[in-house]
N, C-alpha and C. Protein backbone atom coordinates (compact mmCIF):
# COMPACT_ATOMS: atom_id res chain seq x y z
N MET A 1 -9.76 -36.85 -11.59
CA MET A 1 -8.72 -35.88 -11.19
C MET A 1 -8.38 -35.00 -12.38
N ALA A 2 -8.24 -33.70 -12.13
CA ALA A 2 -7.90 -32.74 -13.21
C ALA A 2 -6.55 -32.99 -13.70
N SER A 3 -6.33 -32.72 -14.99
CA SER A 3 -4.98 -32.83 -15.61
C SER A 3 -4.09 -31.69 -15.12
N PRO A 4 -2.77 -31.86 -15.27
CA PRO A 4 -1.85 -30.74 -14.85
C PRO A 4 -2.20 -29.42 -15.60
N ILE A 5 -2.56 -29.56 -16.89
CA ILE A 5 -2.91 -28.36 -17.63
C ILE A 5 -4.11 -27.66 -17.03
N ASP A 6 -5.15 -28.47 -16.76
CA ASP A 6 -6.38 -27.92 -16.16
C ASP A 6 -6.12 -27.25 -14.82
N ARG A 7 -5.25 -27.88 -14.00
CA ARG A 7 -4.97 -27.35 -12.71
C ARG A 7 -4.24 -25.95 -12.79
N VAL A 8 -3.28 -25.88 -13.72
CA VAL A 8 -2.54 -24.65 -13.89
C VAL A 8 -3.52 -23.55 -14.45
N VAL A 9 -4.36 -23.92 -15.36
CA VAL A 9 -5.36 -22.93 -15.91
C VAL A 9 -6.21 -22.46 -14.75
N HIS A 10 -6.69 -23.41 -13.94
CA HIS A 10 -7.61 -23.06 -12.83
C HIS A 10 -6.96 -22.06 -11.88
N TYR A 11 -5.70 -22.30 -11.47
CA TYR A 11 -5.05 -21.43 -10.53
C TYR A 11 -4.67 -20.08 -11.11
N LEU A 12 -4.25 -20.07 -12.33
CA LEU A 12 -3.89 -18.82 -12.99
C LEU A 12 -5.12 -17.96 -13.16
N SER A 13 -6.27 -18.52 -13.43
CA SER A 13 -7.52 -17.79 -13.67
C SER A 13 -8.05 -17.14 -12.44
N GLN A 14 -7.51 -17.53 -11.26
CA GLN A 14 -7.86 -16.89 -9.99
C GLN A 14 -7.17 -15.56 -9.78
N LEU A 15 -6.14 -15.28 -10.56
CA LEU A 15 -5.35 -14.00 -10.44
C LEU A 15 -6.21 -12.84 -10.97
N PRO A 16 -6.02 -11.69 -10.34
CA PRO A 16 -6.82 -10.46 -10.78
C PRO A 16 -6.53 -10.11 -12.27
N GLY A 17 -7.57 -9.95 -13.01
CA GLY A 17 -7.45 -9.55 -14.37
C GLY A 17 -7.11 -10.69 -15.35
N ILE A 18 -7.09 -11.94 -14.82
CA ILE A 18 -6.75 -13.04 -15.66
C ILE A 18 -8.01 -13.96 -15.80
N GLY A 19 -8.53 -14.03 -17.05
CA GLY A 19 -9.66 -14.92 -17.31
C GLY A 19 -9.20 -16.26 -17.74
N GLU A 20 -10.13 -17.11 -18.02
CA GLU A 20 -9.79 -18.51 -18.43
C GLU A 20 -9.01 -18.55 -19.72
N LYS A 21 -9.35 -17.65 -20.71
CA LYS A 21 -8.62 -17.69 -21.96
C LYS A 21 -7.15 -17.23 -21.77
N THR A 22 -6.97 -16.14 -21.01
CA THR A 22 -5.59 -15.71 -20.73
C THR A 22 -4.85 -16.77 -19.95
N ALA A 23 -5.50 -17.38 -18.96
CA ALA A 23 -4.83 -18.40 -18.15
C ALA A 23 -4.42 -19.59 -19.04
N THR A 24 -5.26 -19.93 -20.00
CA THR A 24 -4.91 -21.09 -20.88
C THR A 24 -3.72 -20.69 -21.78
N ARG A 25 -3.73 -19.43 -22.29
CA ARG A 25 -2.61 -18.95 -23.07
C ARG A 25 -1.28 -18.98 -22.32
N LEU A 26 -1.32 -18.53 -21.08
CA LEU A 26 -0.13 -18.50 -20.24
C LEU A 26 0.35 -19.94 -19.95
N THR A 27 -0.59 -20.81 -19.71
CA THR A 27 -0.22 -22.22 -19.42
C THR A 27 0.53 -22.82 -20.60
N PHE A 28 0.02 -22.65 -21.78
CA PHE A 28 0.72 -23.22 -22.98
C PHE A 28 2.00 -22.49 -23.24
N PHE A 29 2.11 -21.21 -22.89
CA PHE A 29 3.37 -20.51 -23.02
C PHE A 29 4.40 -21.20 -22.15
N VAL A 30 4.06 -21.52 -20.93
CA VAL A 30 4.98 -22.22 -19.97
C VAL A 30 5.38 -23.55 -20.55
N LEU A 31 4.41 -24.26 -21.14
CA LEU A 31 4.71 -25.60 -21.69
C LEU A 31 5.71 -25.48 -22.84
N ARG A 32 5.67 -24.42 -23.57
CA ARG A 32 6.57 -24.26 -24.69
C ARG A 32 7.98 -23.88 -24.33
N GLN A 33 8.18 -23.49 -23.03
CA GLN A 33 9.52 -23.18 -22.58
C GLN A 33 10.27 -24.43 -22.10
N LYS A 34 11.55 -24.30 -21.84
CA LYS A 34 12.30 -25.43 -21.36
C LYS A 34 11.86 -25.77 -19.92
N PRO A 35 11.95 -27.07 -19.50
CA PRO A 35 11.45 -27.43 -18.21
C PRO A 35 12.02 -26.61 -17.04
N ALA A 36 13.22 -26.08 -17.23
CA ALA A 36 13.80 -25.28 -16.15
C ALA A 36 13.00 -24.03 -15.83
N PHE A 37 12.35 -23.49 -16.89
CA PHE A 37 11.56 -22.24 -16.70
C PHE A 37 10.41 -22.54 -15.74
N ALA A 38 9.72 -23.65 -15.89
CA ALA A 38 8.60 -23.97 -14.96
C ALA A 38 9.12 -24.23 -13.60
N LYS A 39 10.22 -24.91 -13.46
CA LYS A 39 10.74 -25.20 -12.12
C LYS A 39 11.20 -23.89 -11.44
N GLU A 40 11.80 -23.04 -12.15
CA GLU A 40 12.27 -21.73 -11.54
C GLU A 40 11.05 -20.86 -11.17
N LEU A 41 10.03 -20.87 -12.02
CA LEU A 41 8.83 -20.14 -11.71
C LEU A 41 8.14 -20.69 -10.48
N ALA A 42 8.06 -22.03 -10.34
CA ALA A 42 7.43 -22.61 -9.16
C ALA A 42 8.26 -22.26 -7.90
N ALA A 43 9.56 -22.30 -7.98
CA ALA A 43 10.42 -21.96 -6.88
C ALA A 43 10.26 -20.52 -6.44
N ALA A 44 10.17 -19.63 -7.42
CA ALA A 44 9.99 -18.22 -7.11
C ALA A 44 8.62 -17.97 -6.40
N LEU A 45 7.62 -18.66 -6.88
CA LEU A 45 6.29 -18.53 -6.19
C LEU A 45 6.35 -19.08 -4.77
N GLY A 46 7.02 -20.18 -4.63
CA GLY A 46 7.18 -20.74 -3.28
C GLY A 46 7.88 -19.81 -2.33
N ASP A 47 8.87 -19.05 -2.86
CA ASP A 47 9.63 -18.16 -2.00
C ASP A 47 8.80 -16.98 -1.50
N LEU A 48 7.70 -16.68 -2.19
CA LEU A 48 6.91 -15.50 -1.79
C LEU A 48 6.46 -15.63 -0.36
N HIS A 49 5.98 -16.79 0.04
CA HIS A 49 5.54 -17.01 1.42
C HIS A 49 6.67 -17.43 2.34
N ASP A 50 7.65 -18.07 1.80
CA ASP A 50 8.75 -18.56 2.64
C ASP A 50 9.71 -17.46 3.04
N LYS A 51 9.93 -16.49 2.17
CA LYS A 51 10.98 -15.48 2.40
C LYS A 51 10.52 -14.07 2.51
N VAL A 52 9.23 -13.82 2.21
CA VAL A 52 8.68 -12.42 2.27
C VAL A 52 7.79 -12.34 3.48
N SER A 53 8.00 -11.29 4.32
CA SER A 53 7.14 -11.10 5.52
C SER A 53 6.91 -9.58 5.65
N LEU A 54 6.15 -9.22 6.72
CA LEU A 54 5.88 -7.78 6.92
C LEU A 54 7.01 -7.16 7.74
N CYS A 55 7.42 -6.00 7.32
CA CYS A 55 8.38 -5.22 8.11
C CYS A 55 7.75 -4.91 9.51
N ARG A 56 8.49 -5.21 10.56
CA ARG A 56 7.94 -5.02 11.90
C ARG A 56 7.68 -3.50 12.23
N ARG A 57 8.22 -2.61 11.42
CA ARG A 57 8.07 -1.19 11.69
C ARG A 57 7.00 -0.58 10.78
N CYS A 58 7.11 -0.67 9.48
CA CYS A 58 6.14 0.00 8.56
C CYS A 58 5.16 -0.93 7.93
N GLN A 59 5.27 -2.22 8.15
CA GLN A 59 4.32 -3.20 7.57
C GLN A 59 4.45 -3.41 6.05
N ASN A 60 5.57 -2.96 5.51
CA ASN A 60 5.78 -3.23 4.10
C ASN A 60 6.25 -4.67 3.90
N LEU A 61 6.06 -5.17 2.71
CA LEU A 61 6.50 -6.57 2.37
C LEU A 61 8.01 -6.50 2.10
N THR A 62 8.73 -7.41 2.77
CA THR A 62 10.19 -7.32 2.73
C THR A 62 10.83 -8.68 2.99
N GLU A 63 12.07 -8.84 2.53
CA GLU A 63 12.87 -10.04 2.82
C GLU A 63 13.76 -9.72 4.04
N GLU A 64 13.92 -8.45 4.33
CA GLU A 64 14.72 -8.07 5.52
C GLU A 64 13.83 -7.41 6.58
N ASN A 65 14.29 -7.47 7.78
CA ASN A 65 13.49 -6.88 8.84
C ASN A 65 14.34 -6.12 9.85
N PRO A 66 14.26 -4.80 9.91
CA PRO A 66 13.34 -3.95 9.18
C PRO A 66 13.68 -3.84 7.69
N CYS A 67 12.73 -3.36 6.94
CA CYS A 67 12.92 -3.22 5.48
C CYS A 67 14.06 -2.21 5.15
N ARG A 68 14.44 -2.17 3.93
CA ARG A 68 15.52 -1.24 3.53
C ARG A 68 15.20 0.22 3.71
N LEU A 69 13.89 0.57 3.53
CA LEU A 69 13.50 1.95 3.71
C LEU A 69 13.55 2.37 5.14
N CYS A 70 13.06 1.55 6.07
CA CYS A 70 13.11 1.82 7.47
C CYS A 70 14.54 1.85 8.01
N ALA A 71 15.40 1.07 7.39
CA ALA A 71 16.80 0.99 7.91
C ALA A 71 17.69 2.04 7.25
N ASP A 72 17.19 2.82 6.38
CA ASP A 72 17.98 3.82 5.66
C ASP A 72 18.14 5.05 6.54
N PRO A 73 19.36 5.34 7.04
CA PRO A 73 19.53 6.51 7.92
C PRO A 73 19.31 7.85 7.28
N ARG A 74 19.22 7.86 5.94
CA ARG A 74 19.04 9.16 5.22
C ARG A 74 17.57 9.60 5.20
N ARG A 75 16.65 8.72 5.61
CA ARG A 75 15.25 9.06 5.60
C ARG A 75 14.89 9.89 6.82
N ASP A 76 13.90 10.79 6.66
CA ASP A 76 13.45 11.63 7.75
C ASP A 76 12.63 10.80 8.73
N PRO A 77 13.13 10.54 9.95
CA PRO A 77 12.41 9.64 10.88
C PRO A 77 11.23 10.27 11.56
N LYS A 78 10.99 11.54 11.36
CA LYS A 78 9.90 12.24 12.04
C LYS A 78 8.63 12.39 11.21
N THR A 79 8.67 11.87 10.00
CA THR A 79 7.54 11.98 9.09
C THR A 79 7.12 10.58 8.61
N ILE A 80 5.82 10.28 8.67
CA ILE A 80 5.29 9.02 8.20
C ILE A 80 4.23 9.34 7.12
N LEU A 81 4.39 8.65 6.02
CA LEU A 81 3.38 8.73 4.94
C LEU A 81 2.56 7.45 4.97
N VAL A 82 1.25 7.56 5.15
CA VAL A 82 0.37 6.39 5.29
C VAL A 82 -0.25 6.08 3.92
N VAL A 83 -0.07 4.82 3.50
CA VAL A 83 -0.69 4.35 2.23
C VAL A 83 -1.46 3.10 2.47
N GLU A 84 -2.28 2.76 1.50
CA GLU A 84 -3.13 1.53 1.68
C GLU A 84 -2.36 0.26 1.32
N SER A 85 -1.46 0.32 0.42
CA SER A 85 -0.85 -0.95 -0.09
C SER A 85 0.67 -0.75 -0.44
N PRO A 86 1.39 -1.84 -0.46
CA PRO A 86 2.82 -1.73 -0.86
C PRO A 86 2.93 -1.19 -2.33
N GLN A 87 1.92 -1.42 -3.17
CA GLN A 87 2.00 -0.87 -4.52
C GLN A 87 1.96 0.65 -4.47
N ASP A 88 1.15 1.22 -3.57
CA ASP A 88 1.12 2.66 -3.49
C ASP A 88 2.51 3.19 -3.02
N LEU A 89 3.10 2.50 -2.05
CA LEU A 89 4.44 2.90 -1.61
C LEU A 89 5.43 2.92 -2.78
N LEU A 90 5.44 1.94 -3.64
CA LEU A 90 6.34 1.84 -4.75
C LEU A 90 6.12 3.00 -5.73
N ALA A 91 4.80 3.36 -5.94
CA ALA A 91 4.49 4.47 -6.85
C ALA A 91 5.04 5.76 -6.31
N ILE A 92 4.92 6.04 -5.01
CA ILE A 92 5.44 7.28 -4.44
C ILE A 92 6.97 7.27 -4.46
N GLU A 93 7.57 6.16 -4.23
CA GLU A 93 9.06 6.07 -4.30
C GLU A 93 9.54 6.38 -5.70
N ARG A 94 8.78 5.97 -6.74
CA ARG A 94 9.18 6.23 -8.11
C ARG A 94 9.17 7.77 -8.42
N SER A 95 8.35 8.51 -7.65
CA SER A 95 8.30 9.97 -7.88
C SER A 95 9.54 10.70 -7.37
N GLN A 96 10.28 10.01 -6.45
CA GLN A 96 11.55 10.58 -5.89
C GLN A 96 11.32 11.91 -5.26
N SER A 97 10.12 12.07 -4.64
CA SER A 97 9.81 13.41 -4.01
C SER A 97 9.54 13.31 -2.57
N TYR A 98 9.76 12.14 -2.02
CA TYR A 98 9.48 11.98 -0.55
C TYR A 98 10.66 11.22 0.07
N ARG A 99 11.12 11.76 1.25
CA ARG A 99 12.30 11.17 1.86
C ARG A 99 12.02 10.81 3.34
N GLY A 100 10.75 10.68 3.70
CA GLY A 100 10.39 10.21 5.04
C GLY A 100 10.18 8.72 5.11
N LEU A 101 9.53 8.31 6.14
CA LEU A 101 9.18 6.91 6.34
C LEU A 101 7.77 6.61 5.91
N TYR A 102 7.35 5.37 5.90
CA TYR A 102 6.05 4.95 5.45
C TYR A 102 5.28 4.13 6.52
N HIS A 103 4.01 3.97 6.30
CA HIS A 103 3.23 2.93 7.02
C HIS A 103 2.18 2.44 6.12
N ILE A 104 2.09 1.09 6.00
CA ILE A 104 1.15 0.47 5.05
C ILE A 104 -0.02 -0.06 5.86
N LEU A 105 -1.21 0.32 5.48
CA LEU A 105 -2.42 -0.14 6.19
C LEU A 105 -2.89 -1.49 5.78
N HIS A 106 -2.55 -1.88 4.50
CA HIS A 106 -2.99 -3.12 3.91
C HIS A 106 -4.54 -3.13 3.75
N GLY A 107 -5.00 -2.00 3.22
CA GLY A 107 -6.46 -1.98 2.90
C GLY A 107 -7.02 -0.62 3.28
N ALA A 108 -8.34 -0.57 3.19
CA ALA A 108 -9.09 0.69 3.53
C ALA A 108 -10.38 0.29 4.17
N ILE A 109 -10.95 1.18 4.97
CA ILE A 109 -12.20 0.88 5.62
C ILE A 109 -13.31 0.76 4.55
N SER A 110 -14.02 -0.36 4.62
CA SER A 110 -15.11 -0.60 3.60
C SER A 110 -16.19 -1.46 4.28
N PRO A 111 -17.16 -0.82 4.88
CA PRO A 111 -18.26 -1.56 5.57
C PRO A 111 -18.93 -2.53 4.60
N LEU A 112 -19.09 -2.19 3.34
CA LEU A 112 -19.78 -3.09 2.39
C LEU A 112 -19.00 -4.40 2.17
N GLU A 113 -17.71 -4.29 2.37
CA GLU A 113 -16.89 -5.52 2.21
C GLU A 113 -16.47 -6.15 3.51
N GLY A 114 -17.05 -5.55 4.61
CA GLY A 114 -16.78 -6.09 5.93
C GLY A 114 -15.40 -5.75 6.46
N VAL A 115 -14.78 -4.70 5.96
CA VAL A 115 -13.46 -4.29 6.39
C VAL A 115 -13.61 -3.08 7.34
N GLY A 116 -13.24 -3.24 8.58
CA GLY A 116 -13.27 -2.18 9.54
C GLY A 116 -11.89 -1.79 10.01
N PRO A 117 -11.78 -0.84 10.89
CA PRO A 117 -10.49 -0.34 11.38
C PRO A 117 -9.62 -1.41 12.01
N ASP A 118 -10.24 -2.39 12.67
CA ASP A 118 -9.47 -3.46 13.32
C ASP A 118 -8.82 -4.39 12.28
N ASP A 119 -9.29 -4.33 11.03
CA ASP A 119 -8.73 -5.21 10.02
C ASP A 119 -7.49 -4.58 9.35
N LEU A 120 -7.21 -3.33 9.65
CA LEU A 120 -6.04 -2.64 9.08
C LEU A 120 -4.93 -2.51 10.11
N LYS A 121 -3.78 -2.11 9.63
CA LYS A 121 -2.58 -1.95 10.48
C LYS A 121 -2.58 -0.62 11.15
N ILE A 122 -3.68 -0.29 11.81
CA ILE A 122 -3.80 1.00 12.47
C ILE A 122 -3.17 0.99 13.84
N SER A 123 -3.34 -0.06 14.61
CA SER A 123 -2.76 -0.13 15.91
C SER A 123 -1.26 -0.08 15.85
N GLU A 124 -0.69 -0.67 14.80
CA GLU A 124 0.76 -0.55 14.63
C GLU A 124 1.22 0.85 14.36
N LEU A 125 0.41 1.60 13.62
CA LEU A 125 0.71 3.02 13.35
C LEU A 125 0.68 3.79 14.61
N LEU A 126 -0.32 3.56 15.50
CA LEU A 126 -0.48 4.30 16.74
C LEU A 126 0.70 3.94 17.68
N ALA A 127 1.17 2.75 17.64
CA ALA A 127 2.34 2.35 18.47
C ALA A 127 3.58 3.12 18.02
N ARG A 128 3.71 3.33 16.74
CA ARG A 128 4.84 4.10 16.25
C ARG A 128 4.83 5.55 16.70
N LEU A 129 3.66 6.14 16.74
CA LEU A 129 3.52 7.54 17.18
C LEU A 129 3.97 7.66 18.63
N GLY A 130 3.69 6.67 19.38
CA GLY A 130 4.09 6.72 20.80
C GLY A 130 5.53 6.49 21.05
N SER A 131 6.20 5.78 20.14
CA SER A 131 7.60 5.45 20.37
C SER A 131 8.65 6.15 19.54
N GLU A 132 8.22 6.75 18.43
CA GLU A 132 9.22 7.27 17.45
C GLU A 132 9.20 8.79 17.40
N GLY A 133 8.38 9.51 18.18
CA GLY A 133 8.40 10.96 18.18
C GLY A 133 8.04 11.54 16.86
N ILE A 134 7.01 11.00 16.18
CA ILE A 134 6.58 11.43 14.87
C ILE A 134 5.99 12.85 14.93
N GLN A 135 6.42 13.72 14.04
CA GLN A 135 5.92 15.09 14.03
C GLN A 135 4.85 15.33 12.95
N GLU A 136 4.88 14.58 11.84
CA GLU A 136 3.83 14.73 10.78
C GLU A 136 3.46 13.39 10.28
N VAL A 137 2.15 13.25 10.08
CA VAL A 137 1.60 12.04 9.38
C VAL A 137 0.92 12.53 8.09
N ILE A 138 1.35 12.05 6.99
CA ILE A 138 0.75 12.40 5.65
C ILE A 138 -0.19 11.26 5.30
N LEU A 139 -1.48 11.57 5.17
CA LEU A 139 -2.44 10.61 4.77
C LEU A 139 -2.46 10.51 3.28
N ALA A 140 -2.12 9.34 2.72
CA ALA A 140 -2.10 9.18 1.29
C ALA A 140 -2.96 7.96 0.86
N THR A 141 -4.11 7.88 1.52
CA THR A 141 -5.08 6.85 1.07
C THR A 141 -5.62 7.28 -0.26
N ASN A 142 -6.19 6.32 -0.98
CA ASN A 142 -6.71 6.62 -2.27
C ASN A 142 -7.90 7.57 -2.28
N PRO A 143 -8.01 8.45 -3.29
CA PRO A 143 -9.10 9.43 -3.31
C PRO A 143 -10.44 8.83 -3.81
N ASN A 144 -10.96 7.89 -3.12
CA ASN A 144 -12.21 7.28 -3.37
C ASN A 144 -13.00 7.18 -2.06
N VAL A 145 -14.18 6.57 -2.09
CA VAL A 145 -15.08 6.56 -0.92
C VAL A 145 -14.35 5.85 0.27
N GLU A 146 -13.76 4.74 -0.05
CA GLU A 146 -13.06 3.96 1.03
C GLU A 146 -11.84 4.69 1.56
N GLY A 147 -11.08 5.25 0.64
CA GLY A 147 -9.90 5.98 1.05
C GLY A 147 -10.22 7.19 1.88
N GLU A 148 -11.28 7.91 1.49
CA GLU A 148 -11.67 9.10 2.26
C GLU A 148 -12.22 8.76 3.63
N ALA A 149 -12.96 7.65 3.70
CA ALA A 149 -13.49 7.20 5.02
C ALA A 149 -12.30 6.80 5.93
N THR A 150 -11.31 6.19 5.37
CA THR A 150 -10.11 5.78 6.15
C THR A 150 -9.35 7.00 6.63
N ALA A 151 -9.20 7.99 5.73
CA ALA A 151 -8.46 9.22 6.15
C ALA A 151 -9.19 9.93 7.23
N LEU A 152 -10.50 10.08 7.15
CA LEU A 152 -11.28 10.77 8.15
C LEU A 152 -11.16 10.00 9.50
N TYR A 153 -11.24 8.71 9.45
CA TYR A 153 -11.08 7.93 10.71
C TYR A 153 -9.66 8.17 11.33
N LEU A 154 -8.66 8.17 10.50
CA LEU A 154 -7.34 8.37 10.93
C LEU A 154 -7.15 9.80 11.55
N LEU A 155 -7.74 10.79 10.88
CA LEU A 155 -7.69 12.12 11.36
C LEU A 155 -8.27 12.23 12.73
N LYS A 156 -9.38 11.57 12.98
CA LYS A 156 -10.05 11.60 14.26
C LYS A 156 -9.22 11.05 15.37
N ILE A 157 -8.52 9.93 15.07
CA ILE A 157 -7.74 9.29 16.17
C ILE A 157 -6.33 9.83 16.31
N LEU A 158 -5.80 10.43 15.23
CA LEU A 158 -4.41 10.94 15.25
C LEU A 158 -4.33 12.34 15.82
N THR A 159 -5.30 13.18 15.55
CA THR A 159 -5.21 14.58 16.00
C THR A 159 -4.97 14.74 17.49
N PRO A 160 -5.68 13.96 18.40
CA PRO A 160 -5.42 14.16 19.82
C PRO A 160 -4.02 13.73 20.25
N LEU A 161 -3.34 12.96 19.40
CA LEU A 161 -1.98 12.52 19.78
C LEU A 161 -0.87 13.50 19.51
N GLY A 162 -1.25 14.54 18.75
CA GLY A 162 -0.20 15.63 18.63
C GLY A 162 0.45 15.85 17.30
N PRO A 163 0.57 14.83 16.45
CA PRO A 163 1.34 15.11 15.20
C PRO A 163 0.52 15.94 14.23
N ARG A 164 1.23 16.64 13.39
CA ARG A 164 0.56 17.39 12.29
C ARG A 164 0.03 16.42 11.25
N VAL A 165 -1.23 16.47 10.98
CA VAL A 165 -1.88 15.54 10.03
C VAL A 165 -2.14 16.28 8.74
N THR A 166 -1.58 15.78 7.65
CA THR A 166 -1.78 16.38 6.36
C THR A 166 -2.35 15.33 5.39
N ARG A 167 -2.83 15.79 4.23
CA ARG A 167 -3.46 14.97 3.18
C ARG A 167 -2.81 15.33 1.90
N LEU A 168 -2.66 14.39 0.98
CA LEU A 168 -2.18 14.65 -0.39
C LEU A 168 -3.05 15.76 -1.00
N ALA A 169 -2.42 16.67 -1.65
CA ALA A 169 -3.15 17.84 -2.26
C ALA A 169 -3.65 17.53 -3.65
N SER A 170 -4.09 18.57 -4.35
CA SER A 170 -4.65 18.40 -5.70
C SER A 170 -3.59 17.81 -6.58
N GLY A 171 -4.06 17.11 -7.63
CA GLY A 171 -3.18 16.42 -8.51
C GLY A 171 -3.50 14.93 -8.52
N VAL A 172 -4.16 14.45 -7.46
CA VAL A 172 -4.60 13.10 -7.37
C VAL A 172 -6.07 13.03 -7.84
N PRO A 173 -6.37 12.39 -8.95
CA PRO A 173 -7.74 12.37 -9.43
C PRO A 173 -8.68 11.59 -8.59
N VAL A 174 -9.89 12.13 -8.38
CA VAL A 174 -10.89 11.46 -7.57
C VAL A 174 -11.31 10.12 -8.27
N GLY A 175 -11.31 9.06 -7.50
CA GLY A 175 -11.70 7.75 -8.04
C GLY A 175 -10.52 6.94 -8.58
N GLY A 176 -9.29 7.56 -8.55
CA GLY A 176 -8.15 6.86 -9.09
C GLY A 176 -7.36 6.20 -8.00
N GLY A 177 -6.39 5.40 -8.35
CA GLY A 177 -5.49 4.72 -7.45
C GLY A 177 -4.12 5.30 -7.50
N ILE A 178 -3.47 5.43 -6.36
CA ILE A 178 -2.17 6.06 -6.30
C ILE A 178 -1.13 5.24 -7.13
N GLU A 179 -1.25 3.91 -7.10
CA GLU A 179 -0.23 3.08 -7.78
C GLU A 179 -0.20 3.33 -9.30
N TYR A 180 -1.27 3.95 -9.92
CA TYR A 180 -1.31 4.17 -11.34
C TYR A 180 -0.96 5.60 -11.75
N LEU A 181 -0.63 6.45 -10.82
CA LEU A 181 -0.29 7.86 -11.09
C LEU A 181 1.13 7.97 -11.62
N ASP A 182 1.36 9.02 -12.46
CA ASP A 182 2.68 9.25 -12.96
C ASP A 182 3.50 9.99 -11.93
N PRO A 183 4.85 9.97 -12.02
CA PRO A 183 5.67 10.61 -10.97
C PRO A 183 5.48 12.11 -10.85
N LEU A 184 5.17 12.80 -11.92
CA LEU A 184 4.93 14.27 -11.84
C LEU A 184 3.67 14.58 -11.06
N THR A 185 2.63 13.85 -11.28
CA THR A 185 1.39 14.07 -10.53
C THR A 185 1.59 13.83 -9.09
N LEU A 186 2.32 12.75 -8.70
CA LEU A 186 2.56 12.47 -7.34
C LEU A 186 3.51 13.55 -6.67
N ARG A 187 4.48 14.00 -7.45
CA ARG A 187 5.32 15.09 -6.87
C ARG A 187 4.55 16.27 -6.56
N ARG A 188 3.65 16.74 -7.50
CA ARG A 188 2.88 17.91 -7.20
C ARG A 188 1.87 17.71 -6.07
N ALA A 189 1.39 16.54 -5.94
CA ALA A 189 0.47 16.27 -4.81
C ALA A 189 1.18 16.30 -3.47
N LEU A 190 2.39 15.76 -3.42
CA LEU A 190 3.21 15.78 -2.20
C LEU A 190 3.62 17.18 -1.86
N GLU A 191 4.10 17.94 -2.85
CA GLU A 191 4.58 19.27 -2.56
C GLU A 191 3.46 20.24 -2.13
N GLY A 192 2.27 19.95 -2.61
CA GLY A 192 1.17 20.86 -2.23
C GLY A 192 0.23 20.35 -1.17
N ARG A 193 0.66 19.38 -0.34
CA ARG A 193 -0.16 18.89 0.69
C ARG A 193 -0.57 19.96 1.71
N GLN A 194 -1.75 19.79 2.34
CA GLN A 194 -2.30 20.76 3.19
C GLN A 194 -2.75 20.10 4.52
N LEU A 195 -3.00 20.94 5.49
CA LEU A 195 -3.56 20.39 6.70
C LEU A 195 -4.88 19.78 6.40
N PHE A 196 -5.15 18.63 7.02
CA PHE A 196 -6.39 17.88 6.71
C PHE A 196 -7.36 17.96 7.86
N HIS A 197 -8.57 18.44 7.55
CA HIS A 197 -9.60 18.49 8.61
C HIS A 197 -10.97 18.23 7.93
N SER A 198 -11.91 17.80 8.75
CA SER A 198 -13.24 17.55 8.25
C SER A 198 -13.99 18.79 8.05
N GLU A 199 -15.12 18.76 7.23
CA GLU A 199 -15.91 19.93 7.03
C GLU A 199 -16.58 20.41 8.35
N ARG A 200 -16.91 19.45 9.18
CA ARG A 200 -17.50 19.83 10.46
C ARG A 200 -16.57 20.62 11.29
N SER A 201 -15.30 20.25 11.34
CA SER A 201 -14.25 20.93 12.08
C SER A 201 -14.07 22.37 11.52
N ALA A 202 -14.11 22.44 10.12
CA ALA A 202 -13.94 23.78 9.49
C ALA A 202 -15.07 24.69 9.79
N ASN A 203 -16.26 24.17 9.84
CA ASN A 203 -17.41 24.99 10.18
C ASN A 203 -17.35 25.54 11.57
N ARG A 204 -16.82 24.79 12.50
CA ARG A 204 -16.66 25.25 13.87
C ARG A 204 -15.65 26.37 13.98
N GLU A 205 -14.68 26.32 13.08
CA GLU A 205 -13.65 27.35 13.10
C GLU A 205 -14.14 28.62 12.62
């Protein structure tokens, strides 16, 4: 049976960006703290699954349902900004340049990884369009191959439903992730958003 130290190192090394050396260093850091620190850390980790769930409206991670953003009467209820992850939502909120609602897909279409439209929170988005009278959907998926594929798919299924479909404008670097952008870049991208259409649609016009 593995020792407590080995077990902690094993689980910490499963975290993104954490190798065995870093996991070992973190484990010994915890050991050097007072016992209460480890107990409080374990309790906080346990609360992640016990107390955090998906918002029934926007699919954000929240302790309240609906989440505080969906429940805020000051937000524009006719605009939805679609992002891939809760981290992307937080990045856009830090820019303080958007006052509408959100929808989190929890991923992007990626055939190579076996992720298709049915694996994302797309049906929940379509249900909101039918019940909330949404006038604009801003597609803020990441500017990479998977994000663009997801945006094009959403454009195809959203356009017949009537809302204005826009995409984040220039300012978002290709190949980058929204969660890593600075507030000024995000503000410029939001302010300069444009109607989103495929090259095929543009050629027909």
